[in-house]
Amino acid sequence: MNQSACLNLVSNAIIVWNTVYMQAIFDLMRAEGRPPLAEDVGHLSPARYEHVNIIGKFRFDLDASVEGLRELRPRQRAESAAQKADKKAPPPSVSPAQPSVK
């Protein structure tokens, strides 16, 4: 298998994982009476990978039984992680306005 095929496989696995958990969060929000707003959902992407350890070592317990999804993080911890990520993010680049051509 070549390197680009492996990268595609890993990227697709991350996107599927994120999509499943994003849906779980939306379901939880709806159950709490706070349905996600369409204009907010439009800004989300399952292609984020900051939470994935791509250079570390992994240990898998193959004898452990797995049922369903892992527990979602408590809201306070998730908000704290988002704030840390915002502080690390570089400011958006601003390009000069391009004149319109008619």
N, C-alpha and C. Protein backbone atom coordinates (compact mmCIF):
# COMPACT_ATOMS: atom_id res chain seq x y z
N MET A 1 0.86 -1.16 0.00
CA MET A 1 0.00 0.00 0.00
C MET A 1 0.91 1.23 0.00
N ASN A 2 0.63 2.18 -0.87
CA ASN A 2 1.51 3.34 -0.92
C ASN A 2 1.13 4.38 0.14
N GLN A 3 2.01 5.35 0.32
CA GLN A 3 1.85 6.32 1.40
C GLN A 3 0.57 7.15 1.26
N SER A 4 0.21 7.57 0.06
CA SER A 4 -0.99 8.38 -0.10
C SER A 4 -2.25 7.58 0.21
N ALA A 5 -2.26 6.29 -0.12
CA ALA A 5 -3.41 5.46 0.21
C ALA A 5 -3.56 5.31 1.72
N CYS A 6 -2.43 5.19 2.41
CA CYS A 6 -2.46 5.10 3.87
C CYS A 6 -2.97 6.40 4.47
N LEU A 7 -2.52 7.52 3.94
CA LEU A 7 -2.98 8.82 4.43
C LEU A 7 -4.48 8.99 4.20
N ASN A 8 -4.96 8.55 3.06
CA ASN A 8 -6.40 8.62 2.79
C ASN A 8 -7.19 7.76 3.77
N LEU A 9 -6.67 6.58 4.06
CA LEU A 9 -7.34 5.68 5.00
C LEU A 9 -7.41 6.32 6.39
N VAL A 10 -6.31 6.86 6.86
CA VAL A 10 -6.28 7.50 8.19
C VAL A 10 -7.20 8.72 8.21
N SER A 11 -7.14 9.53 7.18
CA SER A 11 -8.01 10.73 7.10
C SER A 11 -9.48 10.34 7.13
N ASN A 12 -9.84 9.33 6.37
CA ASN A 12 -11.23 8.88 6.34
C ASN A 12 -11.66 8.32 7.69
N ALA A 13 -10.77 7.60 8.36
CA ALA A 13 -11.10 7.05 9.68
C ALA A 13 -11.34 8.18 10.68
N ILE A 14 -10.52 9.22 10.64
CA ILE A 14 -10.70 10.37 11.54
C ILE A 14 -12.02 11.07 11.25
N ILE A 15 -12.35 11.25 9.99
CA ILE A 15 -13.60 11.92 9.62
C ILE A 15 -14.81 11.11 10.07
N VAL A 16 -14.76 9.79 9.90
CA VAL A 16 -15.87 8.95 10.37
C VAL A 16 -16.01 9.04 11.87
N TRP A 17 -14.89 8.91 12.60
CA TRP A 17 -14.89 9.00 14.06
C TRP A 17 -15.50 10.33 14.50
N ASN A 18 -15.03 11.42 13.92
CA ASN A 18 -15.53 12.74 14.30
C ASN A 18 -17.01 12.90 13.98
N THR A 19 -17.43 12.39 12.84
CA THR A 19 -18.84 12.49 12.45
C THR A 19 -19.74 11.74 13.43
N VAL A 20 -19.34 10.56 13.82
CA VAL A 20 -20.13 9.77 14.77
C VAL A 20 -20.25 10.51 16.10
N TYR A 21 -19.15 11.07 16.59
CA TYR A 21 -19.19 11.77 17.87
C TYR A 21 -19.88 13.13 17.77
N MET A 22 -19.76 13.79 16.64
CA MET A 22 -20.51 15.05 16.45
C MET A 22 -22.01 14.76 16.51
N GLN A 23 -22.44 13.68 15.87
CA GLN A 23 -23.85 13.32 15.91
C GLN A 23 -24.29 12.99 17.34
N ALA A 24 -23.42 12.32 18.10
CA ALA A 24 -23.75 12.01 19.50
C ALA A 24 -23.92 13.29 20.31
N ILE A 25 -23.09 14.29 20.04
CA ILE A 25 -23.21 15.56 20.75
C ILE A 25 -24.51 16.27 20.34
N PHE A 26 -24.84 16.25 19.06
CA PHE A 26 -26.10 16.86 18.62
C PHE A 26 -27.29 16.17 19.27
N ASP A 27 -27.25 14.85 19.35
CA ASP A 27 -28.33 14.11 20.00
C ASP A 27 -28.45 14.48 21.48
N LEU A 28 -27.32 14.62 22.15
CA LEU A 28 -27.31 15.02 23.55
C LEU A 28 -27.88 16.43 23.71
N MET A 29 -27.48 17.34 22.84
CA MET A 29 -28.01 18.71 22.90
C MET A 29 -29.53 18.73 22.72
N ARG A 30 -30.02 17.94 21.75
CA ARG A 30 -31.46 17.88 21.54
C ARG A 30 -32.17 17.30 22.77
N ALA A 31 -31.59 16.29 23.38
CA ALA A 31 -32.18 15.67 24.57
C ALA A 31 -32.23 16.65 25.74
N GLU A 32 -31.26 17.57 25.79
CA GLU A 32 -31.23 18.59 26.84
C GLU A 32 -32.09 19.80 26.50
N GLY A 33 -32.76 19.75 25.34
CA GLY A 33 -33.63 20.86 24.95
C GLY A 33 -32.87 22.01 24.31
N ARG A 34 -31.67 21.77 23.85
CA ARG A 34 -30.86 22.80 23.20
C ARG A 34 -30.45 22.32 21.81
N PRO A 35 -31.37 22.26 20.87
CA PRO A 35 -31.00 21.74 19.55
C PRO A 35 -29.94 22.63 18.90
N PRO A 36 -29.00 22.03 18.17
CA PRO A 36 -27.97 22.84 17.51
C PRO A 36 -28.60 23.71 16.43
N LEU A 37 -28.10 24.91 16.30
CA LEU A 37 -28.62 25.84 15.30
C LEU A 37 -27.97 25.54 13.95
N ALA A 38 -28.78 25.60 12.90
CA ALA A 38 -28.28 25.28 11.56
C ALA A 38 -27.12 26.18 11.17
N GLU A 39 -27.18 27.46 11.56
CA GLU A 39 -26.09 28.37 11.19
C GLU A 39 -24.79 28.02 11.92
N ASP A 40 -24.90 27.42 13.11
CA ASP A 40 -23.70 26.98 13.83
C ASP A 40 -23.15 25.68 13.24
N VAL A 41 -24.04 24.76 12.92
CA VAL A 41 -23.63 23.47 12.36
C VAL A 41 -22.92 23.68 11.02
N GLY A 42 -23.34 24.70 10.29
CA GLY A 42 -22.72 24.99 9.00
C GLY A 42 -21.25 25.36 9.10
N HIS A 43 -20.80 25.75 10.29
CA HIS A 43 -19.39 26.13 10.49
C HIS A 43 -18.54 24.98 11.03
N LEU A 44 -19.13 23.84 11.25
CA LEU A 44 -18.40 22.70 11.80
C LEU A 44 -17.87 21.81 10.69
N SER A 45 -16.80 21.11 10.98
CA SER A 45 -16.23 20.18 10.01
C SER A 45 -15.70 18.95 10.75
N PRO A 46 -16.00 17.77 10.24
CA PRO A 46 -15.45 16.56 10.87
C PRO A 46 -14.00 16.30 10.46
N ALA A 47 -13.40 17.19 9.70
CA ALA A 47 -12.04 16.98 9.22
C ALA A 47 -10.98 17.50 10.19
N ARG A 48 -11.36 17.90 11.39
CA ARG A 48 -10.40 18.38 12.40
C ARG A 48 -9.67 17.19 13.00
N TYR A 49 -8.42 17.39 13.37
CA TYR A 49 -7.65 16.26 13.90
C TYR A 49 -6.73 16.64 15.05
N GLU A 50 -6.92 17.81 15.65
CA GLU A 50 -6.04 18.25 16.75
C GLU A 50 -6.08 17.28 17.93
N HIS A 51 -7.17 16.59 18.11
CA HIS A 51 -7.34 15.68 19.24
C HIS A 51 -6.76 14.29 18.97
N VAL A 52 -6.19 14.08 17.80
CA VAL A 52 -5.67 12.78 17.43
C VAL A 52 -4.16 12.77 17.61
N ASN A 53 -3.66 11.77 18.32
CA ASN A 53 -2.23 11.60 18.54
C ASN A 53 -1.65 10.88 17.33
N ILE A 54 -1.05 11.64 16.42
CA ILE A 54 -0.56 11.02 15.18
C ILE A 54 0.91 10.62 15.24
N ILE A 55 1.62 10.99 16.31
CA ILE A 55 3.04 10.65 16.37
C ILE A 55 3.42 9.85 17.61
N GLY A 56 2.45 9.45 18.39
CA GLY A 56 2.75 8.77 19.64
C GLY A 56 2.64 7.27 19.54
N LYS A 57 2.79 6.65 20.68
CA LYS A 57 2.63 5.20 20.77
C LYS A 57 1.22 4.90 21.27
N PHE A 58 0.69 3.80 20.81
CA PHE A 58 -0.66 3.42 21.16
C PHE A 58 -0.66 2.04 21.80
N ARG A 59 -1.56 1.85 22.74
CA ARG A 59 -1.73 0.55 23.38
C ARG A 59 -3.20 0.18 23.26
N PHE A 60 -3.47 -0.96 22.69
CA PHE A 60 -4.84 -1.42 22.51
C PHE A 60 -5.04 -2.69 23.31
N ASP A 61 -6.10 -2.70 24.09
CA ASP A 61 -6.45 -3.89 24.85
C ASP A 61 -7.47 -4.67 24.01
N LEU A 62 -6.98 -5.66 23.30
CA LEU A 62 -7.85 -6.41 22.39
C LEU A 62 -8.82 -7.32 23.11
N ASP A 63 -8.56 -7.59 24.40
CA ASP A 63 -9.47 -8.44 25.17
C ASP A 63 -10.62 -7.65 25.78
N ALA A 64 -10.52 -6.33 25.80
CA ALA A 64 -11.57 -5.51 26.39
C ALA A 64 -12.79 -5.49 25.47
N SER A 65 -13.94 -5.62 26.07
CA SER A 65 -15.15 -5.55 25.26
C SER A 65 -15.55 -4.09 25.08
N VAL A 66 -16.02 -3.78 23.92
CA VAL A 66 -16.40 -2.41 23.60
C VAL A 66 -17.86 -2.42 23.16
N GLU A 67 -18.65 -1.62 23.83
CA GLU A 67 -20.05 -1.51 23.44
C GLU A 67 -20.39 -0.03 23.33
N GLY A 68 -20.83 0.37 22.16
CA GLY A 68 -21.23 1.75 21.97
C GLY A 68 -20.05 2.70 21.90
N LEU A 69 -20.34 3.97 22.10
CA LEU A 69 -19.33 5.01 22.02
C LEU A 69 -18.69 5.22 23.38
N ARG A 70 -17.48 5.78 23.38
CA ARG A 70 -16.87 6.15 24.65
C ARG A 70 -17.64 7.34 25.21
N GLU A 71 -17.48 7.59 26.49
CA GLU A 71 -18.21 8.66 27.16
C GLU A 71 -17.78 10.02 26.63
N LEU A 72 -18.75 10.90 26.41
CA LEU A 72 -18.44 12.25 25.96
C LEU A 72 -17.81 13.02 27.11
N ARG A 73 -16.92 13.97 26.77
CA ARG A 73 -16.28 14.78 27.80
C ARG A 73 -17.31 15.71 28.45
N PRO A 74 -17.15 15.98 29.74
CA PRO A 74 -18.03 16.96 30.37
C PRO A 74 -17.89 18.31 29.67
N ARG A 75 -18.96 19.08 29.63
CA ARG A 75 -18.99 20.35 28.91
C ARG A 75 -17.87 21.29 29.36
N GLN A 76 -17.62 21.41 30.67
CA GLN A 76 -16.61 22.34 31.17
C GLN A 76 -15.23 21.98 30.62
N ARG A 77 -14.89 20.72 30.61
CA ARG A 77 -13.59 20.30 30.11
C ARG A 77 -13.49 20.53 28.60
N ALA A 78 -14.57 20.29 27.88
CA ALA A 78 -14.57 20.50 26.44
C ALA A 78 -14.42 21.98 26.12
N GLU A 79 -15.09 22.84 26.87
CA GLU A 79 -14.97 24.28 26.64
C GLU A 79 -13.56 24.75 26.93
N SER A 80 -12.94 24.22 27.98
CA SER A 80 -11.57 24.57 28.33
C SER A 80 -10.61 24.16 27.20
N ALA A 81 -10.81 22.98 26.63
CA ALA A 81 -9.97 22.52 25.53
C ALA A 81 -10.15 23.41 24.31
N ALA A 82 -11.38 23.84 24.05
CA ALA A 82 -11.63 24.71 22.91
C ALA A 82 -10.96 26.07 23.11
N GLN A 83 -10.99 26.59 24.33
CA GLN A 83 -10.34 27.87 24.61
C GLN A 83 -8.84 27.77 24.41
N LYS A 84 -8.23 26.68 24.83
CA LYS A 84 -6.79 26.48 24.64
C LYS A 84 -6.46 26.42 23.15
N ALA A 85 -7.29 25.74 22.38
CA ALA A 85 -7.06 25.63 20.94
C ALA A 85 -7.18 26.99 20.28
N ASP A 86 -8.12 27.82 20.73
CA ASP A 86 -8.28 29.15 20.17
C ASP A 86 -7.05 30.01 20.44
N LYS A 87 -6.45 29.86 21.61
CA LYS A 87 -5.27 30.64 21.95
C LYS A 87 -4.07 30.24 21.10
N LYS A 88 -4.00 28.97 20.68
CA LYS A 88 -2.89 28.49 19.88
C LYS A 88 -3.06 28.84 18.41
N ALA A 89 -4.29 29.04 17.99
CA ALA A 89 -4.57 29.26 16.56
C ALA A 89 -4.01 30.61 16.13
N PRO A 90 -3.34 30.66 14.98
CA PRO A 90 -2.84 31.93 14.48
C PRO A 90 -4.01 32.80 14.03
N PRO A 91 -3.83 34.11 14.04
CA PRO A 91 -4.93 34.97 13.60
C PRO A 91 -5.23 34.72 12.13
N PRO A 92 -6.48 34.88 11.73
CA PRO A 92 -6.81 34.64 10.33
C PRO A 92 -6.09 35.64 9.44
N SER A 93 -5.64 35.17 8.28
CA SER A 93 -4.95 36.07 7.36
C SER A 93 -5.99 36.90 6.62
N VAL A 94 -5.65 38.14 6.43
CA VAL A 94 -6.55 39.06 5.74
C VAL A 94 -5.89 39.44 4.44
N SER A 95 -6.57 39.20 3.36
CA SER A 95 -6.01 39.58 2.06
C SER A 95 -6.65 40.87 1.61
N PRO A 96 -5.90 41.69 0.89
CA PRO A 96 -6.48 42.95 0.42
C PRO A 96 -7.66 42.67 -0.50
N ALA A 97 -8.60 43.57 -0.46
CA ALA A 97 -9.80 43.41 -1.28
C ALA A 97 -9.43 43.48 -2.75
N GLN A 98 -9.98 42.59 -3.53
CA GLN A 98 -9.74 42.58 -4.97
C GLN A 98 -10.82 43.41 -5.67
N PRO A 99 -10.42 44.28 -6.57
CA PRO A 99 -11.45 45.05 -7.28
C PRO A 99 -12.30 44.11 -8.14
N SER A 100 -13.58 44.39 -8.18
CA SER A 100 -14.46 43.56 -9.00
C SER A 100 -14.32 43.94 -10.46
N VAL A 101 -14.37 42.95 -11.30
CA VAL A 101 -14.24 43.17 -12.74
C VAL A 101 -15.62 43.00 -13.34
N LYS A 102 -16.03 44.00 -14.11
CA LYS A 102 -17.35 43.93 -14.72
C LYS A 102 -17.25 43.75 -16.21
